[in-house]
Amino acid sequence: MSIRVLIADDQPIVRTGLTMLLDAQPDIEVVGAAADGREAIRLALQLRPDVGLFDIRMPLMDGIETTRHLAGPDVTDPLPIVVITTFDLDEYVHGALKAGARGFLLKDAGPALLTQAIHAAADGNALIAPSVTVRLLAAFAHAETSPPRQPIEPLTAREEEVLVPVAQGRTNNEIASELYITPSTVKAHLASLMRKLGARNRVEVAMWAHETGRI
């Protein structure tokens, strides 16, 4: 079954290029393309795509605000969104992730990483361009002015072990291999971590790990 993707970018040539690139994948289908944030929201509500691929700089409503409307903390059924931009600026990355994005890529990421990010978002995971991940999370952990939220229950020793590689961007299979447990066990620990931390995805788990000095 194909992953249905909605693209939002104000440049026609970029929309066309992304559409061609993604439609060439055997299990991805572009179902709509918007030129601004407001149109992206309208199409998202109308088409109900599996993943949104949004540019940051768009007229009428930028990608961060659009993401907040479709995937923010108050949204009941958030759309998995990958933000893609030309600009490697920390405030953009942080803003997108705080707004609920599940991925952040630069436009020069290449087809393989883009496809991987779409799949990760559809599977409930997160993928951030490797060039920005560690720098971003570390920088904003130190910039946080409010104390990090406390888990609703203490973390177990195994959850603490899983937390660190999750925050370092490792996949479930990599974590399983590293800790000599099964991928399904990793998934169970991650689900428990998200519940205890009130986190909606791996990115928020990673940000909490950095905010509390575990990385």
C-alpha atoms as a PDB file:
ATOM      1  CA  MET A   1       0.000   0.000   0.000  1.00  0.00           C
ATOM      2  CA  SER A   2       1.420   3.373  -1.034  1.00  0.00           C
ATOM      3  CA  ILE A   3       2.247   6.193   1.378  1.00  0.00           C
ATOM      4  CA  ARG A   4       0.103   9.157   0.284  1.00  0.00           C
ATOM      5  CA  VAL A   5       2.062  12.438   0.411  1.00  0.00           C
ATOM      6  CA  LEU A   6       0.985  16.091   0.308  1.00  0.00           C
ATOM      7  CA  ILE A   7       3.667  18.554  -0.853  1.00  0.00           C
ATOM      8  CA  ALA A   8       3.677  22.274   0.023  1.00  0.00           C
ATOM      9  CA  ASP A   9       6.225  24.635  -1.575  1.00  0.00           C
ATOM     10  CA  ASP A  10       5.789  28.064  -3.133  1.00  0.00           C
ATOM     11  CA  GLN A  11       8.152  27.345  -6.050  1.00  0.00           C
ATOM     12  CA  PRO A  12       6.467  25.466  -8.952  1.00  0.00           C
ATOM     13  CA  ILE A  13       9.725  23.887 -10.095  1.00  0.00           C
ATOM     14  CA  VAL A  14      10.373  22.491  -6.606  1.00  0.00           C
ATOM     15  CA  ARG A  15       6.829  21.111  -6.336  1.00  0.00           C
ATOM     16  CA  THR A  16       7.212  19.460  -9.732  1.00  0.00           C
ATOM     17  CA  GLY A  17      10.656  18.063  -8.904  1.00  0.00           C
ATOM     18  CA  LEU A  18       9.578  16.623  -5.554  1.00  0.00           C
ATOM     19  CA  THR A  19       6.440  15.146  -7.110  1.00  0.00           C
ATOM     20  CA  MET A  20       8.428  13.429  -9.872  1.00  0.00           C
ATOM     21  CA  LEU A  21      11.032  12.160  -7.428  1.00  0.00           C
ATOM     22  CA  LEU A  22       8.500  10.719  -4.967  1.00  0.00           C
ATOM     23  CA  ASP A  23       6.115   9.336  -7.592  1.00  0.00           C
ATOM     24  CA  ALA A  24       9.075   7.394  -9.010  1.00  0.00           C
ATOM     25  CA  GLN A  25       9.215   5.411  -5.743  1.00  0.00           C
ATOM     26  CA  PRO A  26       7.237   2.164  -5.864  1.00  0.00           C
ATOM     27  CA  ASP A  27       5.445   2.716  -2.545  1.00  0.00           C
ATOM     28  CA  ILE A  28       4.940   6.517  -2.442  1.00  0.00           C
ATOM     29  CA  GLU A  29       2.184   8.497  -4.172  1.00  0.00           C
ATOM     30  CA  VAL A  30       1.886  12.302  -4.241  1.00  0.00           C
ATOM     31  CA  VAL A  31      -1.832  13.073  -3.844  1.00  0.00           C
ATOM     32  CA  GLY A  32      -1.653  16.881  -3.767  1.00  0.00           C
ATOM     33  CA  ALA A  33       0.611  19.918  -4.036  1.00  0.00           C
ATOM     34  CA  ALA A  34       0.044  23.330  -2.412  1.00  0.00           C
ATOM     35  CA  ALA A  35       1.708  26.688  -3.120  1.00  0.00           C
ATOM     36  CA  ASP A  36       1.197  28.137   0.382  1.00  0.00           C
ATOM     37  CA  GLY A  37       0.388  27.126   3.934  1.00  0.00           C
ATOM     38  CA  ARG A  38      -3.313  27.878   3.831  1.00  0.00           C
ATOM     39  CA  GLU A  39      -3.777  25.768   0.718  1.00  0.00           C
ATOM     40  CA  ALA A  40      -1.767  22.997   2.400  1.00  0.00           C
ATOM     41  CA  ILE A  41      -4.170  22.976   5.367  1.00  0.00           C
ATOM     42  CA  ARG A  42      -7.203  22.904   3.054  1.00  0.00           C
ATOM     43  CA  LEU A  43      -5.769  20.028   1.004  1.00  0.00           C
ATOM     44  CA  ALA A  44      -4.653  18.123   4.116  1.00  0.00           C
ATOM     45  CA  LEU A  45      -8.175  18.216   5.551  1.00  0.00           C
ATOM     46  CA  GLN A  46      -9.684  17.314   2.189  1.00  0.00           C
ATOM     47  CA  LEU A  47      -7.275  14.589   1.030  1.00  0.00           C
ATOM     48  CA  ARG A  48      -6.175  13.120   4.381  1.00  0.00           C
ATOM     49  CA  PRO A  49      -2.634  12.229   3.238  1.00  0.00           C
ATOM     50  CA  ASP A  50      -0.365   9.919   5.254  1.00  0.00           C
ATOM     51  CA  VAL A  51       2.555  12.407   5.315  1.00  0.00           C
ATOM     52  CA  GLY A  52       3.042  16.107   4.608  1.00  0.00           C
ATOM     53  CA  LEU A  53       6.270  17.413   3.035  1.00  0.00           C
ATOM     54  CA  PHE A  54       6.356  21.169   3.717  1.00  0.00           C
ATOM     55  CA  ASP A  55       8.757  23.975   2.870  1.00  0.00           C
ATOM     56  CA  ILE A  56       9.386  26.538   5.612  1.00  0.00           C
ATOM     57  CA  ARG A  57       9.321  29.763   3.614  1.00  0.00           C
ATOM     58  CA  MET A  58       5.867  30.078   2.040  1.00  0.00           C
ATOM     59  CA  PRO A  59       3.454  32.994   1.535  1.00  0.00           C
ATOM     60  CA  LEU A  60       0.223  33.529   3.552  1.00  0.00           C
ATOM     61  CA  MET A  61       1.322  30.988   6.168  1.00  0.00           C
ATOM     62  CA  ASP A  62       4.823  29.567   6.599  1.00  0.00           C
ATOM     63  CA  GLY A  63       5.679  25.911   7.036  1.00  0.00           C
ATOM     64  CA  ILE A  64       6.107  26.118  10.804  1.00  0.00           C
ATOM     65  CA  GLU A  65       2.685  27.682  11.394  1.00  0.00           C
ATOM     66  CA  THR A  66       1.129  25.242   8.914  1.00  0.00           C
ATOM     67  CA  THR A  67       2.751  22.357  10.791  1.00  0.00           C
ATOM     68  CA  ARG A  68       1.415  23.707  14.097  1.00  0.00           C
ATOM     69  CA  HIS A  69      -2.125  23.756  12.654  1.00  0.00           C
ATOM     70  CA  LEU A  70      -1.913  20.177  11.393  1.00  0.00           C
ATOM     71  CA  ALA A  71       0.392  18.488  13.919  1.00  0.00           C
ATOM     72  CA  GLY A  72       0.658  20.758  16.968  1.00  0.00           C
ATOM     73  CA  PRO A  73       0.162  19.743  20.598  1.00  0.00           C
ATOM     74  CA  ASP A  74      -3.573  20.520  20.498  1.00  0.00           C
ATOM     75  CA  VAL A  75      -4.291  18.540  17.317  1.00  0.00           C
ATOM     76  CA  THR A  76      -6.284  15.358  17.996  1.00  0.00           C
ATOM     77  CA  ASP A  77      -5.187  13.434  14.900  1.00  0.00           C
ATOM     78  CA  PRO A  78      -1.839  14.999  13.909  1.00  0.00           C
ATOM     79  CA  LEU A  79      -0.530  14.674  10.369  1.00  0.00           C
ATOM     80  CA  PRO A  80       3.039  13.297  10.212  1.00  0.00           C
ATOM     81  CA  ILE A  81       5.021  16.171   8.669  1.00  0.00           C
ATOM     82  CA  VAL A  82       8.545  16.390   7.283  1.00  0.00           C
ATOM     83  CA  VAL A  83       9.840  19.947   6.914  1.00  0.00           C
ATOM     84  CA  ILE A  84      12.247  20.562   4.048  1.00  0.00           C
ATOM     85  CA  THR A  85      14.184  23.774   3.525  1.00  0.00           C
ATOM     86  CA  THR A  86      17.170  25.362   1.797  1.00  0.00           C
ATOM     87  CA  PHE A  87      18.243  27.087   4.991  1.00  0.00           C
ATOM     88  CA  ASP A  88      20.204  25.255   7.681  1.00  0.00           C
ATOM     89  CA  LEU A  89      19.152  27.595  10.488  1.00  0.00           C
ATOM     90  CA  ASP A  90      18.758  26.287  14.031  1.00  0.00           C
ATOM     91  CA  GLU A  91      15.716  28.437  14.784  1.00  0.00           C
ATOM     92  CA  TYR A  92      13.936  26.915  11.777  1.00  0.00           C
ATOM     93  CA  VAL A  93      14.700  23.380  12.896  1.00  0.00           C
ATOM     94  CA  HIS A  94      13.728  24.017  16.489  1.00  0.00           C
ATOM     95  CA  GLY A  95      10.558  25.859  15.465  1.00  0.00           C
ATOM     96  CA  ALA A  96       9.506  23.032  13.150  1.00  0.00           C
ATOM     97  CA  LEU A  97      10.071  20.335  15.765  1.00  0.00           C
ATOM     98  CA  LYS A  98       8.319  22.299  18.502  1.00  0.00           C
ATOM     99  CA  ALA A  99       5.390  22.743  16.094  1.00  0.00           C
ATOM    100  CA  GLY A 100       5.121  18.960  15.755  1.00  0.00           C
ATOM    101  CA  ALA A 101       7.205  18.051  12.690  1.00  0.00           C
ATOM    102  CA  ARG A 102       8.521  14.490  12.557  1.00  0.00           C
ATOM    103  CA  GLY A 103      11.439  15.236  10.302  1.00  0.00           C
ATOM    104  CA  PHE A 104      13.670  18.025   9.077  1.00  0.00           C
ATOM    105  CA  LEU A 105      15.685  17.860   5.861  1.00  0.00           C
ATOM    106  CA  LEU A 106      17.645  20.207   3.679  1.00  0.00           C
ATOM    107  CA  LYS A 107      16.662  20.349   0.003  1.00  0.00           C
ATOM    108  CA  ASP A 108      20.057  18.978  -1.000  1.00  0.00           C
ATOM    109  CA  ALA A 109      19.493  15.834   1.095  1.00  0.00           C
ATOM    110  CA  GLY A 110      19.084  13.616  -1.980  1.00  0.00           C
ATOM    111  CA  PRO A 111      16.376  11.138  -2.979  1.00  0.00           C
ATOM    112  CA  ALA A 112      17.456   8.339  -0.626  1.00  0.00           C
ATOM    113  CA  LEU A 113      17.311  10.436   2.562  1.00  0.00           C
ATOM    114  CA  LEU A 114      14.079  12.117   1.465  1.00  0.00           C
ATOM    115  CA  THR A 115      12.421   8.761   0.836  1.00  0.00           C
ATOM    116  CA  GLN A 116      13.736   7.482   4.167  1.00  0.00           C
ATOM    117  CA  ALA A 117      12.267  10.511   5.969  1.00  0.00           C
ATOM    118  CA  ILE A 118       8.852   9.954   4.355  1.00  0.00           C
ATOM    119  CA  HIS A 119       8.884   6.302   5.434  1.00  0.00           C
ATOM    120  CA  ALA A 120      10.025   7.209   8.961  1.00  0.00           C
ATOM    121  CA  ALA A 121       7.239   9.772   9.370  1.00  0.00           C
ATOM    122  CA  ALA A 122       4.626   7.332   8.067  1.00  0.00           C
ATOM    123  CA  ASP A 123       5.861   4.700  10.550  1.00  0.00           C
ATOM    124  CA  GLY A 124       5.616   7.099  13.483  1.00  0.00           C
ATOM    125  CA  ASN A 125       9.346   7.697  13.679  1.00  0.00           C
ATOM    126  CA  ALA A 126      11.426  10.805  13.035  1.00  0.00           C
ATOM    127  CA  LEU A 127      14.363  11.594  10.814  1.00  0.00           C
ATOM    128  CA  ILE A 128      16.401  14.772  10.999  1.00  0.00           C
ATOM    129  CA  ALA A 129      19.206  15.633   8.606  1.00  0.00           C
ATOM    130  CA  PRO A 130      22.366  14.192  10.199  1.00  0.00           C
ATOM    131  CA  SER A 131      24.164  17.520   9.756  1.00  0.00           C
ATOM    132  CA  VAL A 132      21.824  19.264  12.198  1.00  0.00           C
ATOM    133  CA  THR A 133      20.672  16.612  14.685  1.00  0.00           C
ATOM    134  CA  VAL A 134      23.240  16.610  17.469  1.00  0.00           C
ATOM    135  CA  ARG A 135      24.119  20.309  17.140  1.00  0.00           C
ATOM    136  CA  LEU A 136      20.465  21.288  17.254  1.00  0.00           C
ATOM    137  CA  LEU A 137      19.417  19.216  20.239  1.00  0.00           C
ATOM    138  CA  ALA A 138      22.470  20.137  22.285  1.00  0.00           C
ATOM    139  CA  ALA A 139      22.159  23.859  21.526  1.00  0.00           C
ATOM    140  CA  PHE A 140      18.496  24.108  22.465  1.00  0.00           C
ATOM    141  CA  ALA A 141      18.851  21.962  25.557  1.00  0.00           C
ATOM    142  CA  HIS A 142      21.231  24.613  26.922  1.00  0.00           C
ATOM    143  CA  ALA A 143      18.932  27.410  25.752  1.00  0.00           C
ATOM    144  CA  GLU A 144      15.860  26.088  27.585  1.00  0.00           C
ATOM    145  CA  THR A 145      14.772  28.524  30.293  1.00  0.00           C
ATOM    146  CA  SER A 146      12.028  26.425  31.879  1.00  0.00           C
ATOM    147  CA  PRO A 147      12.931  23.206  33.698  1.00  0.00           C
ATOM    148  CA  PRO A 148      12.247  20.018  31.703  1.00  0.00           C
ATOM    149  CA  ARG A 149       9.033  18.215  32.580  1.00  0.00           C
ATOM    150  CA  GLN A 150       9.279  15.264  34.938  1.00  0.00           C
ATOM    151  CA  PRO A 151       8.142  11.799  33.828  1.00  0.00           C
ATOM    152  CA  ILE A 152       4.784  10.672  35.239  1.00  0.00           C
ATOM    153  CA  GLU A 153       6.579   7.537  36.496  1.00  0.00           C
ATOM    154  CA  PRO A 154      10.309   6.945  37.096  1.00  0.00           C
ATOM    155  CA  LEU A 155      12.157   5.476  34.120  1.00  0.00           C
ATOM    156  CA  THR A 156      13.422   1.916  34.448  1.00  0.00           C
ATOM    157  CA  ALA A 157      17.106   1.113  34.023  1.00  0.00           C
ATOM    158  CA  ARG A 158      16.398  -0.445  30.600  1.00  0.00           C
ATOM    159  CA  GLU A 159      14.371   2.583  29.496  1.00  0.00           C
ATOM    160  CA  GLU A 160      17.323   4.789  30.426  1.00  0.00           C
ATOM    161  CA  GLU A 161      19.543   2.516  28.309  1.00  0.00           C
ATOM    162  CA  VAL A 162      17.182   2.818  25.329  1.00  0.00           C
ATOM    163  CA  LEU A 163      16.766   6.571  25.788  1.00  0.00           C
ATOM    164  CA  VAL A 164      20.376   7.477  24.994  1.00  0.00           C
ATOM    165  CA  PRO A 165      20.692   5.806  21.564  1.00  0.00           C
ATOM    166  CA  VAL A 166      17.212   7.093  20.644  1.00  0.00           C
ATOM    167  CA  ALA A 167      18.457  10.611  21.391  1.00  0.00           C
ATOM    168  CA  GLN A 168      21.537   9.931  19.271  1.00  0.00           C
ATOM    169  CA  GLY A 169      19.306   9.178  16.277  1.00  0.00           C
ATOM    170  CA  ARG A 170      19.784   5.410  16.097  1.00  0.00           C
ATOM    171  CA  THR A 171      17.104   3.179  14.586  1.00  0.00           C
ATOM    172  CA  ASN A 172      15.234   0.479  16.526  1.00  0.00           C
ATOM    173  CA  ASN A 173      17.273  -2.235  14.795  1.00  0.00           C
ATOM    174  CA  GLU A 174      20.557  -0.522  15.678  1.00  0.00           C
ATOM    175  CA  ILE A 175      19.478  -0.117  19.309  1.00  0.00           C
ATOM    176  CA  ALA A 176      18.364  -3.757  19.459  1.00  0.00           C
ATOM    177  CA  SER A 177      21.728  -4.930  18.157  1.00  0.00           C
ATOM    178  CA  GLU A 178      23.597  -2.679  20.567  1.00  0.00           C
ATOM    179  CA  LEU A 179      21.634  -3.789  23.664  1.00  0.00           C
ATOM    180  CA  TYR A 180      21.197  -7.451  22.610  1.00  0.00           C
ATOM    181  CA  ILE A 181      17.406  -7.263  22.644  1.00  0.00           C
ATOM    182  CA  THR A 182      14.779  -7.607  19.890  1.00  0.00           C
ATOM    183  CA  PRO A 183      13.481  -4.649  17.829  1.00  0.00           C
ATOM    184  CA  SER A 184       9.983  -5.296  19.205  1.00  0.00           C
ATOM    185  CA  THR A 185      11.371  -4.959  22.752  1.00  0.00           C
ATOM    186  CA  VAL A 186      12.979  -1.650  21.787  1.00  0.00           C
ATOM    187  CA  LYS A 187       9.639  -0.528  20.369  1.00  0.00           C
ATOM    188  CA  ALA A 188       7.884  -1.462  23.626  1.00  0.00           C
ATOM    189  CA  HIS A 189      10.432   0.467  25.733  1.00  0.00           C
ATOM    190  CA  LEU A 190      10.123   3.463  23.424  1.00  0.00           C
ATOM    191  CA  ALA A 191       6.322   3.410  23.707  1.00  0.00           C
ATOM    192  CA  SER A 192       6.670   3.353  27.496  1.00  0.00           C
ATOM    193  CA  LEU A 193       9.168   6.243  27.386  1.00  0.00           C
ATOM    194  CA  MET A 194       6.808   8.320  25.239  1.00  0.00           C
ATOM    195  CA  ARG A 195       3.924   7.638  27.629  1.00  0.00           C
ATOM    196  CA  LYS A 196       5.933   8.534  30.737  1.00  0.00           C
ATOM    197  CA  LEU A 197       7.396  11.694  29.164  1.00  0.00           C
ATOM    198  CA  GLY A 198       4.204  12.835  27.450  1.00  0.00           C
ATOM    199  CA  ALA A 199       6.162  12.802  24.165  1.00  0.00           C
ATOM    200  CA  ARG A 200       4.444  12.365  20.799  1.00  0.00           C
ATOM    201  CA  ASN A 201       7.454  11.070  18.870  1.00  0.00           C
ATOM    202  CA  ARG A 202      11.151  10.163  18.994  1.00  0.00           C
ATOM    203  CA  VAL A 203      12.209  13.764  18.447  1.00  0.00           C
ATOM    204  CA  GLU A 204      10.485  14.904  21.654  1.00  0.00           C
ATOM    205  CA  VAL A 205      12.050  11.967  23.525  1.00  0.00           C
ATOM    206  CA  ALA A 206      15.466  13.034  22.186  1.00  0.00           C
ATOM    207  CA  MET A 207      14.903  16.670  23.126  1.00  0.00           C
ATOM    208  CA  TRP A 208      13.961  15.631  26.670  1.00  0.00           C
ATOM    209  CA  ALA A 209      17.123  13.522  26.932  1.00  0.00           C
ATOM    210  CA  HIS A 210      19.225  16.535  25.969  1.00  0.00           C
ATOM    211  CA  GLU A 211      17.290  18.917  28.225  1.00  0.00           C
ATOM    212  CA  THR A 212      17.918  16.661  31.220  1.00  0.00           C
ATOM    213  CA  GLY A 213      21.619  16.223  30.485  1.00  0.00           C
ATOM    214  CA  ARG A 214      21.453  12.537  29.598  1.00  0.00           C
ATOM    215  CA  ILE A 215      23.442  13.196  26.404  1.00  0.00           C
END
